[in-house]
Amino acid sequence: MADTPLLEGLHVVDLASFIAGPAAATILGDFGADVVKVEPPRVGDAYRSLSRMPPNPRVEGVNYPWQLDNRNKRSIALNLKSPGARAVVERLVTWADVLVTNFPPRTRAKLGLEYDDLAPLNARLVYADVTGFGEEGPDAHLPGFDVTAYWARSGLMDVTRQRDAPPAINAFGSGDHPTAITLFAGIMTALYRRERTGQGARVTASLVAEGAWAAGMWLQAVLVGGNAPRPVDRSDPPNALANAYRTADDRWLLLAFANEDKQVPLFLQAIGHPEAAQNPRYADTQNRRAHAAEIAGLLDKTFATRPLAEWREVLDSAGLTYGVAQTLDEFAHDPQLVANRILVPIDDGNADQHLTIDSPVRLDQERKVRPRPAPDLGEHTESVLRDLGYDDAGIEDLRKAEAIG
């Protein structure tokens, strides 16, 4: 494993807000890039206040989403609306290898932050842009959050519910973080292209495109003339062996049998109904589908007789594929997360070890930097400006012009 982080020496300017764009910059920082977070003075990135918005959990004194998606960054408080800030922006662009933004098209144009505005300043610049609904079309100007663009617009919110149940609000960021991975992949592809051509590039990603990709299997079926899937009634499912069942202690198991011919006899033997394998209604896939409601009813009664722990032992002994609908509290203490370094300690100097979630991209031959605390607003304004060549007088001029905090 290399001693020097892979992306050490790479300069990144994070002009994005909220989750997808900043999270992509965070992954670059995880691999050692120097990431400068640009925030408006006094108020900062609005993401700083997200933990106070219900239904997010309240944790007194800990801004956990800010820490998750802005670790390993330096913060500069820069008023992009001030004419005096333009020179700083141009120096940042000249300094940068990568610039990340999620400003809506109209805002980018107003602030002079379009790709065509900045590319002439740095021919090697990788300009990474993430939007809600893409760069073109009638809705390109609309603001988009993952709940509206990724979940609702894509159809995922409609199909991931029980029939006759209203759509549920997703966990905040659950569409943003996959989009961040896509943006990161685009950035790294553009950097590879730059190695081959010497030229920078514009990278785009959108929440709605990510939603289409996530819903891709069923969306593709619709595109070739298939019936659009509708929310499932679990008591009358299309497939009783890909269905959820409640245990005696009010927990839920999800069966997921991919090889039914092999797994069904093992399953019936394990749950105490080997005779069912001889029933012609359950003998093959076609009949099991035709009698799915009947099978679901029988399995409902069976799983309701024993608690989750006992069923896990039964299914594990038979080598069967299933899942448990864990709570987030259970998942936070899941030993797989620590064993696989999915949870890693924050390097905050605290005697009590605090854990955070590592980004999911990793190379066995490359080490990541330890997660450092996310920056306070404007914490590194002066140090960043000095890196850009400003002296004391120049910094004071920027302060008088209200270009910096």
Protein backbone atom coordinates (compact mmCIF):
# COMPACT_ATOMS: atom_id res chain seq x y z
CA MET A 1 0.00 0.00 0.00
CA ALA A 2 1.36 3.41 -1.02
CA ASP A 3 2.44 5.78 1.74
CA THR A 4 1.28 8.85 -0.16
CA PRO A 5 -2.48 9.13 -0.79
CA LEU A 6 -3.33 8.64 -4.45
CA LEU A 7 -4.81 12.11 -5.01
CA GLU A 8 -2.40 14.10 -2.87
CA GLY A 9 -1.53 17.27 -4.78
CA LEU A 10 -4.87 17.37 -6.62
CA HIS A 11 -6.61 20.71 -6.06
CA VAL A 12 -10.40 20.77 -5.81
CA VAL A 13 -12.75 23.74 -5.49
CA ASP A 14 -16.13 22.81 -4.00
CA LEU A 15 -18.68 25.42 -5.07
CA ALA A 16 -21.61 23.09 -4.47
CA SER A 17 -24.27 23.06 -1.77
CA PHE A 18 -26.15 20.37 0.11
CA ILE A 19 -25.27 16.80 -0.69
CA ALA A 20 -24.45 15.27 -4.09
CA GLY A 21 -21.80 17.75 -5.23
CA PRO A 22 -20.08 18.19 -1.86
CA ALA A 23 -20.14 14.42 -1.27
CA ALA A 24 -18.31 13.83 -4.56
CA ALA A 25 -15.67 16.34 -3.44
CA THR A 26 -15.47 14.50 -0.11
CA ILE A 27 -14.58 11.25 -1.88
CA LEU A 28 -11.75 13.07 -3.67
CA GLY A 29 -10.63 14.32 -0.26
CA ASP A 30 -10.78 10.80 1.15
CA PHE A 31 -8.07 9.88 -1.35
CA GLY A 32 -5.92 12.85 -0.37
CA ALA A 33 -7.05 15.74 -2.59
CA ASP A 34 -6.86 19.28 -1.19
CA VAL A 35 -10.50 20.37 -1.23
CA VAL A 36 -11.44 24.03 -0.70
CA LYS A 37 -15.07 24.53 0.27
CA VAL A 38 -16.39 27.94 -0.88
CA GLU A 39 -19.25 29.23 1.28
CA PRO A 40 -21.14 32.52 1.57
CA PRO A 41 -20.03 34.61 4.57
CA ARG A 42 -22.14 34.69 7.74
CA VAL A 43 -24.65 31.99 6.68
CA GLY A 44 -22.43 29.38 5.03
CA ASP A 45 -23.67 26.40 3.04
CA ALA A 46 -27.35 25.79 3.86
CA TYR A 47 -26.39 22.15 4.45
CA ARG A 48 -24.98 23.25 7.80
CA SER A 49 -28.55 23.56 9.10
CA LEU A 50 -30.02 20.35 7.65
CA SER A 51 -29.67 18.34 10.86
CA ARG A 52 -32.20 20.69 12.48
CA MET A 53 -34.86 19.90 9.87
CA PRO A 54 -37.40 17.19 10.82
CA PRO A 55 -37.57 14.25 10.39
CA ASN A 56 -33.77 14.20 10.74
CA PRO A 57 -32.64 13.01 14.19
CA ARG A 58 -31.49 15.72 16.58
CA VAL A 59 -28.08 15.13 18.15
CA GLU A 60 -27.17 17.87 20.57
CA GLY A 61 -23.89 19.54 19.72
CA VAL A 62 -23.08 17.34 16.70
CA ASN A 63 -23.67 18.45 13.12
CA TYR A 64 -23.51 14.92 11.78
CA PRO A 65 -24.51 15.47 8.11
CA TRP A 66 -21.99 18.29 7.79
CA GLN A 67 -19.27 16.06 9.20
CA LEU A 68 -20.21 13.20 6.87
CA ASP A 69 -20.11 15.15 3.60
CA ASN A 70 -17.56 17.88 4.31
CA ARG A 71 -14.73 16.17 6.17
CA ASN A 72 -11.17 16.73 5.02
CA LYS A 73 -11.96 20.13 3.47
CA ARG A 74 -10.82 23.71 4.01
CA SER A 75 -13.51 26.40 4.18
CA ILE A 76 -13.23 29.86 2.66
CA ALA A 77 -15.99 32.41 3.24
CA LEU A 78 -16.34 34.16 -0.11
CA ASN A 79 -19.18 36.40 -1.25
CA LEU A 80 -19.59 35.41 -4.90
CA LYS A 81 -22.02 38.30 -5.44
CA SER A 82 -19.34 40.87 -4.59
CA PRO A 83 -17.41 42.27 -7.58
CA GLY A 84 -14.28 42.04 -5.44
CA ALA A 85 -14.64 38.25 -5.25
CA ARG A 86 -14.17 37.74 -8.97
CA ALA A 87 -10.40 37.93 -8.77
CA VAL A 88 -10.42 35.28 -6.04
CA VAL A 89 -12.64 33.02 -8.13
CA GLU A 90 -10.28 33.35 -11.08
CA ARG A 91 -7.26 32.50 -8.93
CA LEU A 92 -9.12 29.49 -7.52
CA VAL A 93 -9.96 28.28 -11.02
CA THR A 94 -6.35 28.72 -12.14
CA TRP A 95 -5.16 26.80 -9.05
CA ALA A 96 -7.75 24.02 -9.36
CA ASP A 97 -7.63 20.68 -11.11
CA VAL A 98 -11.32 20.07 -10.39
CA LEU A 99 -14.22 22.43 -9.75
CA VAL A 100 -17.54 21.07 -8.47
CA THR A 101 -20.78 23.07 -8.68
CA ASN A 102 -24.49 22.48 -8.42
CA PHE A 103 -25.71 26.03 -9.00
CA PRO A 104 -28.82 26.12 -11.20
CA PRO A 105 -28.06 27.16 -14.79
CA ARG A 106 -29.45 30.66 -14.34
CA THR A 107 -27.41 31.25 -11.19
CA ARG A 108 -24.23 30.00 -12.84
CA ALA A 109 -24.80 32.36 -15.75
CA LYS A 110 -25.49 35.32 -13.44
CA LEU A 111 -22.33 34.70 -11.42
CA GLY A 112 -20.14 34.03 -14.47
CA LEU A 113 -19.52 30.45 -13.38
CA GLU A 114 -20.51 28.60 -16.54
CA TYR A 115 -18.01 26.17 -17.99
CA ASP A 116 -17.43 28.48 -20.93
CA ASP A 117 -16.67 31.33 -18.49
CA LEU A 118 -14.04 29.38 -16.57
CA ALA A 119 -12.44 26.97 -19.05
CA PRO A 120 -10.43 29.74 -20.78
CA LEU A 121 -8.74 30.42 -17.43
CA ASN A 122 -7.47 26.85 -17.11
CA ALA A 123 -7.37 24.51 -20.09
CA ARG A 124 -6.78 21.52 -17.78
CA LEU A 125 -9.78 22.22 -15.54
CA VAL A 126 -12.24 19.39 -14.89
CA TYR A 127 -15.57 21.15 -14.36
CA ALA A 128 -18.07 18.86 -12.60
CA ASP A 129 -21.70 19.93 -12.60
CA VAL A 130 -24.60 18.18 -10.86
CA THR A 131 -28.23 19.20 -11.34
CA GLY A 132 -31.65 17.98 -10.32
CA PHE A 133 -33.20 17.48 -13.74
CA GLY A 134 -30.34 17.72 -16.24
CA GLU A 135 -28.96 20.54 -18.34
CA GLU A 136 -31.60 20.59 -21.06
CA GLY A 137 -35.37 20.44 -21.37
CA PRO A 138 -38.27 22.36 -19.84
CA ASP A 139 -37.37 21.50 -16.24
CA ALA A 140 -33.62 22.14 -16.38
CA HIS A 141 -34.05 25.34 -14.34
CA LEU A 142 -36.01 23.71 -11.51
CA PRO A 143 -34.38 23.09 -8.13
CA GLY A 144 -34.14 19.40 -7.38
CA PHE A 145 -33.65 17.40 -4.21
CA ASP A 146 -33.22 13.66 -4.11
CA VAL A 147 -36.76 13.23 -2.76
CA THR A 148 -38.23 15.10 -5.75
CA ALA A 149 -35.89 14.29 -8.63
CA TYR A 150 -34.45 10.88 -7.72
CA TRP A 151 -37.26 9.25 -5.76
CA ALA A 152 -40.52 10.84 -6.87
CA ARG A 153 -39.82 11.67 -10.52
CA SER A 154 -38.24 8.30 -11.32
CA GLY A 155 -41.13 6.11 -10.17
CA LEU A 156 -39.05 4.58 -7.37
CA MET A 157 -41.25 6.17 -4.72
CA ASP A 158 -44.32 4.66 -6.35
CA VAL A 159 -43.10 1.07 -6.59
CA THR A 160 -41.27 0.86 -3.23
CA ARG A 161 -44.47 0.78 -1.19
CA GLN A 162 -47.29 -1.60 -0.47
CA ARG A 163 -50.42 -1.33 -2.57
CA ASP A 164 -52.91 1.21 -1.15
CA ALA A 165 -50.22 2.65 1.15
CA PRO A 166 -49.15 6.25 0.54
CA PRO A 167 -45.62 6.95 -0.70
CA ALA A 168 -43.11 7.20 2.15
CA ILE A 169 -40.43 9.86 2.58
CA ASN A 170 -37.03 8.37 1.86
CA ALA A 171 -34.01 8.66 4.11
CA PHE A 172 -32.49 12.06 3.34
CA GLY A 173 -29.52 11.82 1.01
CA SER A 174 -30.29 8.31 -0.22
CA GLY A 175 -30.46 9.54 -3.81
CA ASP A 176 -27.74 12.15 -3.40
CA HIS A 177 -25.02 9.78 -2.28
CA PRO A 178 -25.33 7.43 -5.29
CA THR A 179 -25.31 10.52 -7.51
CA ALA A 180 -22.12 11.64 -5.77
CA ILE A 181 -20.50 8.33 -6.70
CA THR A 182 -21.49 8.89 -10.33
CA LEU A 183 -20.07 12.41 -10.26
CA PHE A 184 -16.85 11.10 -8.70
CA ALA A 185 -16.61 8.46 -11.41
CA GLY A 186 -17.09 11.14 -14.06
CA ILE A 187 -14.39 13.31 -12.49
CA MET A 188 -11.91 10.45 -12.40
CA THR A 189 -12.75 9.56 -16.02
CA ALA A 190 -12.13 13.18 -17.01
CA LEU A 191 -8.81 13.19 -15.14
CA TYR A 192 -7.81 10.05 -17.04
CA ARG A 193 -8.79 11.78 -20.28
CA ARG A 194 -6.67 14.75 -19.24
CA GLU A 195 -3.69 12.47 -18.77
CA ARG A 196 -4.13 11.25 -22.34
CA THR A 197 -5.01 14.56 -24.05
CA GLY A 198 -3.72 17.30 -21.74
CA GLN A 199 -7.16 18.89 -21.84
CA GLY A 200 -9.79 19.36 -19.16
CA ALA A 201 -13.45 18.50 -19.64
CA ARG A 202 -16.95 19.17 -18.41
CA VAL A 203 -18.56 16.38 -16.36
CA THR A 204 -22.31 16.26 -15.72
CA ALA A 205 -24.57 14.20 -13.49
CA SER A 206 -28.14 14.63 -12.37
CA LEU A 207 -30.45 13.24 -9.74
CA VAL A 208 -33.07 12.34 -12.34
CA ALA A 209 -30.52 10.41 -14.44
CA GLU A 210 -29.41 8.55 -11.32
CA GLY A 211 -33.05 7.74 -10.56
CA ALA A 212 -33.50 6.36 -14.08
CA TRP A 213 -30.39 4.20 -13.63
CA ALA A 214 -31.58 2.94 -10.23
CA ALA A 215 -35.01 2.05 -11.65
CA GLY A 216 -33.34 0.81 -14.83
CA MET A 217 -34.42 -2.83 -14.89
CA TRP A 218 -38.14 -2.10 -14.66
CA LEU A 219 -37.90 1.16 -16.58
CA GLN A 220 -36.25 -0.74 -19.44
CA ALA A 221 -39.13 -3.21 -19.40
CA VAL A 222 -41.59 -0.35 -19.88
CA LEU A 223 -39.49 1.08 -22.70
CA VAL A 224 -39.79 -2.17 -24.66
CA GLY A 225 -43.55 -2.48 -24.15
CA GLY A 226 -43.85 -4.20 -20.78
CA ASN A 227 -46.53 -3.36 -18.25
CA ALA A 228 -45.39 -0.81 -15.72
CA PRO A 229 -45.01 -2.52 -12.33
CA ARG A 230 -47.37 -1.29 -9.67
CA PRO A 231 -47.06 -1.39 -5.87
CA VAL A 232 -47.36 -4.96 -4.61
CA ASP A 233 -49.88 -6.35 -2.16
CA ARG A 234 -47.68 -8.63 -0.07
CA SER A 235 -50.67 -10.89 0.73
CA ASP A 236 -51.14 -11.50 -3.00
CA PRO A 237 -47.63 -11.08 -4.41
CA PRO A 238 -46.39 -11.92 -7.91
CA ASN A 239 -43.84 -14.20 -6.24
CA ALA A 240 -44.36 -15.53 -2.72
CA LEU A 241 -40.68 -16.47 -2.51
CA ALA A 242 -39.58 -12.87 -3.03
CA ASN A 243 -41.73 -11.44 -0.28
CA ALA A 244 -41.59 -10.17 3.30
CA TYR A 245 -42.96 -12.09 6.29
CA ARG A 246 -43.55 -11.08 9.91
CA THR A 247 -42.08 -13.18 12.72
CA ALA A 248 -43.59 -13.82 16.14
CA ASP A 249 -41.63 -10.93 17.70
CA ASP A 250 -42.86 -8.42 15.09
CA ARG A 251 -39.75 -8.49 12.91
CA TRP A 252 -39.67 -8.86 9.14
CA LEU A 253 -37.81 -11.38 7.00
CA LEU A 254 -37.39 -11.04 3.25
CA LEU A 255 -37.05 -14.23 1.21
CA ALA A 256 -34.95 -13.98 -1.95
CA PHE A 257 -34.69 -17.30 -3.79
CA ALA A 258 -32.95 -17.04 -7.16
CA ASN A 259 -32.65 -20.80 -7.78
CA GLU A 260 -36.07 -22.08 -6.77
CA ASP A 261 -35.67 -25.63 -8.07
CA LYS A 262 -32.78 -26.15 -5.67
CA GLN A 263 -33.86 -23.90 -2.81
CA VAL A 264 -37.58 -24.62 -2.45
CA PRO A 265 -37.20 -28.25 -1.26
CA LEU A 266 -34.51 -27.15 1.21
CA PHE A 267 -36.75 -24.32 2.38
CA LEU A 268 -39.81 -26.51 2.89
CA GLN A 269 -37.75 -29.07 4.79
CA ALA A 270 -36.24 -26.32 6.99
CA ILE A 271 -39.56 -24.72 7.94
CA GLY A 272 -41.14 -28.07 8.77
CA HIS A 273 -43.32 -28.63 5.71
CA PRO A 274 -41.45 -31.18 3.55
CA GLU A 275 -44.77 -32.65 2.39
CA ALA A 276 -45.53 -29.43 0.52
CA ALA A 277 -42.83 -30.31 -2.00
CA GLN A 278 -45.15 -33.08 -3.26
CA ASN A 279 -48.11 -30.77 -3.68
CA PRO A 280 -48.64 -30.17 -7.42
CA ARG A 281 -49.67 -26.57 -6.71
CA TYR A 282 -46.16 -25.85 -5.40
CA ALA A 283 -44.15 -28.27 -7.53
CA ASP A 284 -42.76 -25.91 -10.14
CA THR A 285 -42.28 -22.21 -10.79
CA GLN A 286 -45.38 -21.80 -12.94
CA ASN A 287 -47.66 -23.34 -10.32
CA ARG A 288 -45.99 -21.45 -7.48
CA ARG A 289 -46.71 -18.19 -9.30
CA ALA A 290 -50.32 -19.19 -9.96
CA HIS A 291 -50.82 -19.97 -6.27
CA ALA A 292 -48.69 -17.17 -4.84
CA ALA A 293 -51.46 -15.76 -2.62
CA GLU A 294 -52.11 -19.20 -1.13
CA ILE A 295 -48.39 -19.76 -0.49
CA ALA A 296 -48.04 -16.30 1.06
CA GLY A 297 -50.91 -17.05 3.44
CA LEU A 298 -49.32 -20.32 4.53
CA LEU A 299 -45.94 -18.67 5.03
CA ASP A 300 -47.53 -15.83 7.00
CA LYS A 301 -48.93 -18.38 9.45
CA THR A 302 -45.66 -20.32 9.57
CA PHE A 303 -43.33 -17.37 10.21
CA ALA A 304 -45.70 -15.97 12.84
CA THR A 305 -45.05 -19.00 15.06
CA ARG A 306 -41.40 -18.28 15.96
CA PRO A 307 -39.22 -15.24 16.72
CA LEU A 308 -36.63 -13.83 14.35
CA ALA A 309 -33.61 -15.35 16.10
CA GLU A 310 -35.00 -18.87 15.70
CA TRP A 311 -35.88 -18.33 12.05
CA ARG A 312 -32.40 -17.01 11.35
CA GLU A 313 -30.89 -20.16 12.79
CA VAL A 314 -33.24 -22.32 10.71
CA LEU A 315 -32.59 -20.50 7.42
CA ASP A 316 -28.86 -20.17 8.00
CA SER A 317 -28.54 -23.89 8.71
CA ALA A 318 -30.24 -24.64 5.40
CA GLY A 319 -27.99 -22.20 3.52
CA LEU A 320 -30.95 -20.19 2.25
CA THR A 321 -30.88 -16.61 1.01
CA TYR A 322 -32.89 -14.12 3.03
CA GLY A 323 -32.62 -10.67 4.53
CA VAL A 324 -33.67 -9.07 7.79
CA ALA A 325 -35.30 -5.65 7.79
CA GLN A 326 -32.88 -4.14 10.29
CA THR A 327 -33.41 -0.90 12.11
CA LEU A 328 -30.83 1.84 11.62
CA ASP A 329 -29.77 1.37 15.22
CA GLU A 330 -29.05 -2.30 14.53
CA PHE A 331 -27.19 -1.41 11.34
CA ALA A 332 -25.06 1.15 13.19
CA HIS A 333 -23.81 -1.69 15.40
CA ASP A 334 -23.59 -4.32 12.68
CA PRO A 335 -20.17 -6.05 13.04
CA GLN A 336 -19.83 -6.26 9.25
CA LEU A 337 -19.45 -2.47 9.08
CA VAL A 338 -16.38 -2.35 11.32
CA ALA A 339 -14.87 -5.58 9.96
CA ASN A 340 -14.95 -4.16 6.43
CA ARG A 341 -13.87 -0.63 7.41
CA ILE A 342 -17.21 0.80 6.32
CA LEU A 343 -17.21 2.63 9.64
CA VAL A 344 -13.93 4.39 10.40
CA PRO A 345 -12.78 6.61 13.29
CA ILE A 346 -12.77 10.38 12.97
CA ASP A 347 -9.36 11.91 13.64
CA ASP A 348 -10.71 14.60 15.99
CA GLY A 349 -8.41 14.15 18.98
CA ASN A 350 -11.31 13.02 21.15
CA ALA A 351 -10.61 10.36 23.76
CA ASP A 352 -13.97 8.77 22.99
CA GLN A 353 -13.73 7.33 19.49
CA HIS A 354 -16.31 8.72 17.09
CA LEU A 355 -17.06 6.76 13.94
CA THR A 356 -18.12 7.98 10.52
CA ILE A 357 -19.09 6.28 7.26
CA ASP A 358 -16.30 5.80 4.74
CA SER A 359 -17.02 6.44 1.09
CA PRO A 360 -17.61 3.09 -0.65
CA VAL A 361 -14.86 3.41 -3.29
CA ARG A 362 -11.60 1.75 -2.31
CA LEU A 363 -8.46 0.25 -3.77
CA ASP A 364 -6.53 -2.38 -1.85
CA GLN A 365 -3.24 -0.84 -2.99
CA GLU A 366 -4.11 2.74 -1.95
CA ARG A 367 -4.78 4.15 1.48
CA LYS A 368 -7.29 6.84 2.29
CA VAL A 369 -6.62 9.70 4.66
CA ARG A 370 -8.19 9.51 8.09
CA PRO A 371 -11.40 11.52 8.26
CA ARG A 372 -10.73 14.90 9.85
CA PRO A 373 -13.43 17.16 11.31
CA ALA A 374 -15.44 19.17 8.81
CA PRO A 375 -14.43 22.85 8.82
CA ASP A 376 -16.07 25.75 10.59
CA LEU A 377 -17.39 28.45 8.30
CA GLY A 378 -14.47 30.41 6.87
CA GLU A 379 -11.99 28.57 9.09
CA HIS A 380 -9.33 28.55 6.37
CA THR A 381 -10.10 31.75 4.50
CA GLU A 382 -6.73 33.39 5.12
CA SER A 383 -4.64 30.25 4.57
CA VAL A 384 -6.38 29.55 1.26
CA LEU A 385 -5.92 33.13 0.11
CA ARG A 386 -2.22 32.98 0.95
CA ASP A 387 -1.97 29.76 -1.10
CA LEU A 388 -3.46 31.77 -3.97
CA GLY A 389 -0.78 34.44 -3.62
CA TYR A 390 -2.53 37.10 -1.53
CA ASP A 391 -0.50 39.04 1.05
CA ASP A 392 -1.76 40.87 4.13
CA ALA A 393 -2.65 43.99 2.16
CA GLY A 394 -4.51 42.03 -0.49
CA ILE A 395 -6.51 40.13 2.12
CA GLU A 396 -7.40 43.37 3.86
CA ASP A 397 -8.57 44.85 0.55
CA LEU A 398 -10.85 41.86 0.04
CA ARG A 399 -12.24 42.28 3.52
CA LYS A 400 -12.96 45.96 2.97
CA ALA A 401 -14.72 45.12 -0.30
CA GLU A 402 -16.86 42.61 1.65
CA ALA A 403 -15.66 39.90 -0.69
CA ILE A 404 -14.62 37.63 2.19
CA GLY A 405 -16.00 36.96 5.63
